Protein backbone atom coordinates (compact mmCIF):
# COMPACT_ATOMS: atom_id res chain seq x y z
CA MET A 1 65.77 164.80 196.44
CA ALA A 2 62.96 162.52 195.33
CA LEU A 3 64.45 159.56 197.22
CA ALA A 4 65.16 161.47 200.44
CA PRO A 5 61.98 160.77 202.46
CA ARG A 6 62.18 156.95 202.55
CA GLY A 7 63.29 156.68 206.17
CA LEU A 8 62.09 159.99 207.51
CA ARG A 9 59.57 160.30 210.29
CA GLY A 10 56.13 161.79 209.68
CA GLN A 11 54.72 165.07 210.83
CA GLU A 12 54.24 165.15 214.60
CA THR A 13 53.51 168.79 215.38
CA ALA A 14 50.99 171.37 214.19
CA TYR A 15 52.24 174.94 213.87
CA PRO A 16 50.44 178.27 213.84
CA PRO A 17 49.45 180.33 211.98
CA LEU A 18 47.78 178.44 209.14
CA ILE A 19 48.61 181.08 206.49
CA LEU A 20 52.34 180.23 206.67
CA GLN A 21 51.64 176.70 205.40
CA LEU A 22 49.38 177.51 202.44
CA PRO A 23 50.38 178.07 198.79
CA ALA A 24 50.77 181.70 197.70
CA SER A 25 51.26 181.42 193.92
CA ALA A 26 49.25 179.73 191.17
CA ARG A 27 52.29 179.09 188.97
CA ALA A 28 54.44 177.75 191.82
CA LEU A 29 51.62 175.56 193.14
CA ALA A 30 51.19 173.90 189.73
CA MET A 31 54.84 172.78 189.93
CA GLY A 32 54.73 171.20 193.37
CA ASN A 33 54.49 174.54 195.20
CA VAL A 34 58.20 175.15 194.57
CA GLY A 35 58.96 178.87 194.24
CA VAL A 36 62.48 179.35 195.63
CA ALA A 37 64.00 180.12 192.21
CA SER A 38 60.97 181.82 190.65
CA ARG A 39 61.23 185.10 188.73
CA ASP A 40 57.65 186.21 189.47
CA ASP A 41 56.72 188.85 192.02
CA ASP A 42 55.10 186.32 194.37
CA VAL A 43 58.56 184.85 195.01
CA LEU A 44 58.31 187.31 197.91
CA PHE A 45 56.48 184.52 199.78
CA TYR A 46 59.13 181.88 198.95
CA ASP A 47 62.60 183.47 198.73
CA PRO A 48 63.16 187.25 198.98
CA ALA A 49 66.61 186.95 197.36
CA GLN A 50 64.87 186.45 193.99
CA LEU A 51 63.30 189.90 194.22
CA VAL A 52 66.52 190.98 192.48
CA VAL A 53 65.19 189.51 189.21
CA ALA A 54 61.44 189.34 189.89
CA ARG A 55 58.96 191.38 187.87
CA GLY A 56 55.27 192.14 188.00
CA THR A 57 52.17 192.58 190.11
CA SER A 58 49.88 189.63 190.73
CA VAL A 59 46.78 188.46 192.55
CA SER A 60 45.59 184.89 193.05
CA MET A 61 42.75 183.12 194.85
CA GLU A 62 42.19 179.49 195.83
CA GLN A 63 39.08 177.56 196.86
CA PHE A 64 39.86 174.60 199.13
CA SER A 65 36.32 173.63 200.12
CA PRO A 66 32.88 175.29 200.38
CA THR A 67 33.98 176.83 203.70
CA ALA A 68 37.72 177.47 203.10
CA ARG A 69 39.45 179.83 200.67
CA ALA A 70 42.64 181.91 200.42
CA GLY A 71 44.15 184.73 198.39
CA ALA A 72 47.45 186.51 197.81
CA LEU A 73 48.52 189.89 196.39
CA SER A 74 52.06 191.05 195.65
CA SER A 75 54.00 193.64 193.66
CA VAL A 76 57.71 194.30 193.08
CA SER A 77 59.56 197.45 191.94
CA ARG A 78 63.18 198.07 190.95
CA LEU A 79 65.58 199.41 193.60
CA ASN A 80 69.27 199.97 192.80
CA SER A 81 70.67 196.58 191.75
CA GLY A 82 67.65 194.66 193.02
CA GLY A 83 64.02 195.02 193.94
CA ILE A 84 61.62 195.85 196.75
CA ALA A 85 58.22 194.22 197.16
CA ILE A 86 55.10 194.29 199.26
CA GLY A 87 52.50 191.57 199.56
CA ALA A 88 49.67 190.15 201.63
CA THR A 89 47.97 186.79 202.03
CA ILE A 90 44.73 185.82 203.74
CA ALA A 91 42.77 182.62 204.37
CA GLU A 92 39.17 182.27 205.54
CA PHE A 93 37.76 179.06 207.00
CA GLU A 94 35.44 177.62 209.63
CA SER A 95 36.66 176.00 212.82
CA ALA A 96 35.54 174.43 216.06
CA PRO A 97 35.67 176.88 219.02
CA PHE A 98 39.16 177.21 220.52
CA ALA A 99 40.62 174.76 218.00
CA PHE A 100 44.23 175.88 217.78
CA PRO A 101 46.37 175.59 215.82
CA VAL A 102 44.28 175.01 212.69
CA THR A 103 45.93 172.61 210.21
CA ARG A 104 45.52 172.02 206.49
CA ALA A 105 43.57 168.88 207.33
CA ASN A 106 40.94 170.35 209.65
CA MET A 107 40.51 173.65 207.76
CA LEU A 108 38.58 171.73 205.11
CA ALA A 109 35.75 170.73 207.47
CA PRO A 110 32.81 172.99 208.40
CA GLY A 111 32.87 174.46 211.91
CA SER A 112 30.77 176.54 214.26
CA VAL A 113 32.96 179.69 214.31
CA ASP A 114 34.67 181.72 211.58
CA GLY A 115 38.43 181.92 211.33
CA THR A 116 40.93 184.02 209.39
CA SER A 117 44.70 183.79 209.02
CA ALA A 118 46.65 186.58 207.30
CA SER A 119 50.08 188.05 206.66
CA LEU A 120 51.51 191.39 205.53
CA VAL A 121 54.99 191.14 204.00
CA VAL A 122 57.65 193.67 202.91
CA GLY A 123 60.81 192.35 201.24
CA ILE A 124 63.99 193.56 199.57
CA GLY A 125 66.61 191.84 197.42
CA GLN A 126 70.01 193.13 196.29
CA VAL A 127 73.14 191.82 194.53
CA ILE A 128 76.29 191.56 196.65
CA LYS A 129 79.44 190.37 194.84
CA GLY A 130 77.46 188.40 192.29
CA THR A 131 75.17 186.75 194.83
CA ARG A 132 71.52 187.68 195.25
CA VAL A 133 70.57 188.20 198.89
CA GLY A 134 67.28 189.26 200.39
CA GLY A 135 65.11 189.53 203.44
CA ALA A 136 61.41 189.91 204.17
CA ALA A 137 59.73 191.14 207.33
CA LYS A 138 56.16 190.06 207.94
CA TYR A 139 53.39 190.33 210.46
CA VAL A 140 51.14 187.28 210.76
CA GLU A 141 47.82 187.12 212.55
CA GLU A 142 45.21 184.47 213.18
CA ARG A 143 41.67 184.89 214.49
CA ILE A 144 39.36 182.05 215.54
CA GLY A 145 35.98 183.18 216.81
CA ASN A 146 36.61 185.98 219.31
CA THR A 147 40.28 185.14 219.92
CA ARG A 148 43.09 186.84 218.04
CA ASN A 149 46.87 186.41 218.11
CA GLY A 150 49.68 187.99 216.08
CA ARG A 151 53.45 187.87 215.69
CA ALA A 152 56.26 189.39 213.60
CA ALA A 153 58.56 187.06 211.66
CA LEU A 154 61.46 187.19 209.22
CA ASP A 155 62.50 185.39 206.02
CA VAL A 156 66.04 185.48 204.58
CA GLY A 157 67.46 184.03 201.37
CA VAL A 158 70.50 183.76 199.11
CA GLU A 159 70.55 182.85 195.42
CA ARG A 160 73.21 182.36 192.78
CA ASP A 161 73.48 181.05 189.23
CA VAL A 162 75.63 177.90 189.10
CA PHE A 163 76.37 176.09 185.81
CA GLY A 164 73.18 177.40 184.25
CA TYR A 165 70.99 176.63 187.28
CA ALA A 166 69.45 179.17 189.63
CA VAL A 167 70.25 177.76 193.09
CA GLY A 168 68.74 179.26 196.22
CA LEU A 169 68.50 178.74 199.95
CA ALA A 170 65.70 180.33 201.96
CA VAL A 171 65.04 180.24 205.70
CA GLN A 172 61.50 181.26 206.58
CA ASN A 173 59.39 182.04 209.62
CA ILE A 174 62.17 183.12 211.95
CA GLY A 175 60.55 184.56 215.06
CA ARG A 176 59.29 184.16 218.59
CA ALA A 177 56.66 181.60 219.54
CA PHE A 178 53.04 182.31 218.66
CA ASP A 179 50.96 183.11 221.77
CA THR A 180 48.08 180.63 222.16
CA THR A 181 47.13 181.18 225.80
CA ILE A 182 43.77 182.79 225.05
CA ALA A 183 42.84 180.29 222.37
CA SER A 184 43.87 176.99 223.91
CA GLY A 185 45.39 177.51 227.32
CA SER A 186 48.63 175.92 226.13
CA GLY A 187 50.86 178.99 226.44
CA SER A 188 52.59 179.23 223.06
CA ARG A 189 53.46 177.33 219.90
CA LEU A 190 56.59 177.70 217.78
CA LEU A 191 56.33 179.10 214.27
CA PRO A 192 56.91 176.62 211.39
CA LEU A 193 60.59 177.50 210.92
CA ARG A 194 61.63 176.04 207.57
CA ALA A 195 64.78 175.91 205.44
CA THR A 196 64.45 175.23 201.70
CA LEU A 197 67.16 174.46 199.17
CA GLY A 198 65.91 174.77 195.61
CA LEU A 199 67.02 175.07 192.02
CA ALA A 200 65.53 175.82 188.62
CA ARG A 201 66.60 175.81 185.00
CA GLY A 202 64.99 176.71 181.69
CA SER A 203 65.97 175.73 178.14
CA GLN A 204 64.75 175.45 174.55
CA ALA A 205 63.56 172.15 173.07
CA GLY A 206 62.77 172.88 169.45
CA PRO A 207 59.76 175.22 169.38
CA PHE A 208 59.06 174.69 173.10
CA ASP A 209 60.29 176.49 176.19
CA VAL A 210 60.98 173.95 178.93
CA ALA A 211 61.61 174.69 182.60
CA GLY A 212 62.09 172.48 185.65
CA THR A 213 62.40 173.15 189.36
CA ALA A 214 63.00 171.10 192.50
CA ALA A 215 63.37 171.79 196.20
CA LEU A 216 64.02 170.09 199.50
CA SER A 217 62.54 171.66 202.66
CA ILE A 218 63.12 170.72 206.26
CA ARG A 219 61.01 172.06 209.11
CA ARG A 220 62.05 172.50 212.75
CA ASP A 221 60.46 169.13 213.68
CA HIS A 222 62.65 167.44 211.01
CA PHE A 223 59.70 166.91 208.65
CA VAL A 224 61.37 166.82 205.23
CA THR A 225 59.45 167.72 202.08
CA PRO A 226 60.94 167.03 198.63
CA ALA A 227 58.99 168.60 195.78
CA GLY A 228 59.40 169.49 192.14
CA GLY A 229 57.73 170.14 188.86
CA GLY A 230 58.07 171.24 185.29
CA GLU A 231 56.60 173.50 182.64
CA ILE A 232 56.46 173.31 178.88
CA GLY A 233 55.45 176.40 176.92
CA TYR A 234 54.72 177.14 173.28
CA SER A 235 54.66 180.54 171.60
CA TRP A 236 53.07 180.82 168.16
CA LEU A 237 53.27 184.63 168.05
CA ASP A 238 55.56 187.12 169.72
CA GLY A 239 54.13 187.89 173.16
CA TYR A 240 51.62 185.01 173.17
CA THR A 241 52.46 181.83 175.10
CA ILE A 242 50.54 178.88 176.44
CA ALA A 243 52.07 176.62 179.09
CA LEU A 244 51.25 173.30 180.75
CA ARG A 245 52.59 172.48 184.22
CA ALA A 246 52.74 169.52 186.58
CA GLY A 247 54.36 168.77 189.90
CA ALA A 248 54.54 166.51 192.94
CA ARG A 249 55.36 166.90 196.62
CA ARG A 250 55.58 164.89 199.79
CA PRO A 251 52.12 165.52 201.28
CA GLU A 252 51.35 166.73 204.77
CA PRO A 253 48.07 165.81 206.52
CA GLY A 254 45.25 167.25 204.44
CA GLU A 255 47.24 167.10 201.19
CA ARG A 256 47.92 164.60 198.44
CA PRO A 257 51.02 164.56 196.22
CA ILE A 258 49.86 165.72 192.78
CA THR A 259 49.61 169.30 191.51
CA ALA A 260 49.08 170.57 187.96
CA GLY A 261 48.05 173.64 186.02
CA ALA A 262 48.30 175.81 182.94
CA GLY A 263 49.06 179.37 181.95
CA PHE A 264 48.35 181.80 179.13
CA THR A 265 50.38 184.95 178.47
CA MET A 266 49.22 187.76 176.22
CA ASP A 267 51.85 190.48 175.98
CA ARG A 268 52.28 191.75 179.58
CA LEU A 269 49.23 189.96 180.99
CA SER A 270 49.34 186.37 182.28
CA PHE A 271 46.54 184.10 183.46
CA ASP A 272 47.51 181.11 185.62
CA TYR A 273 45.54 178.14 186.91
CA ALA A 274 46.62 175.45 189.36
CA LEU A 275 45.00 172.52 191.11
CA GLU A 276 46.23 170.57 194.09
CA SER A 277 44.92 167.22 195.28
CA LEU A 278 43.75 167.16 198.90
CA SER A 279 42.67 164.48 201.34
CA GLY A 280 39.25 162.92 201.00
CA SER A 281 39.45 162.99 197.17
CA ARG A 282 39.09 166.78 197.22
CA VAL A 283 40.69 169.08 194.67
CA ALA A 284 41.50 172.74 195.32
CA HIS A 285 41.58 175.26 192.45
CA ARG A 286 43.74 178.39 192.33
CA PHE A 287 43.44 181.18 189.75
CA GLY A 288 46.00 183.93 189.25
CA LEU A 289 46.36 187.13 187.25
CA ARG A 290 49.74 188.84 186.68
CA VAL A 291 50.80 192.07 184.99
CA ARG A 292 54.43 192.55 184.06
């Protein structure tokens, strides 16, 4: 996976809405923004098949620049052999008038009008013949100045444990083109349809809990993103754990490769922190709180 992008072409197309291309989890972001095989509730935004094993309720917020920020909220409950979840994400930024679509690169700069990009997501995951399957329906909306556009979309995923690894495949942002006529006069733009193959595994290394994850994503314009990361945790008392995390990804415009973070768990409460390197020597900071 790490060697895959050597001969691949760069990003050529910008896709709306912005919220579908932003991180949605502090823990996943710290490990290269790979969440396909996560067991946290915010896996709703990465692979709904993992709602079968996900637990918790979480909220996280990220500051990208003085004028750009984002947040996410999600919660999962048990349902038969799996789980059902609801979540929402939102980003606020400044933009030039009628600038559409907004990208990760230009959201960092100040603009003359306010913009928001948001999603509301409902997902379900169940076990069918030993395989975890799931789907998530979402409504995404983007507003720039006085213009507003919205669209429904769908995510689907499958997951299975293979030789000790959790292996998953998720296809996200399935839906009709996003109407941009009012904003830019260009008619419509396709959603950022993306397929991601990922895996994860955890093990014990003496007194430490070690976990690793990796993924390979391909978008509809053939832009391929390999990413991965790891976590090492130490528990000195039952219910108390501290963890360090690091990751890397193939960057898109506005991003740089390195991510990192840390976490602290106290009984059922977890605090997570992540940073991601951005263009122009910027660093974005994300903070998360989870209750299991």
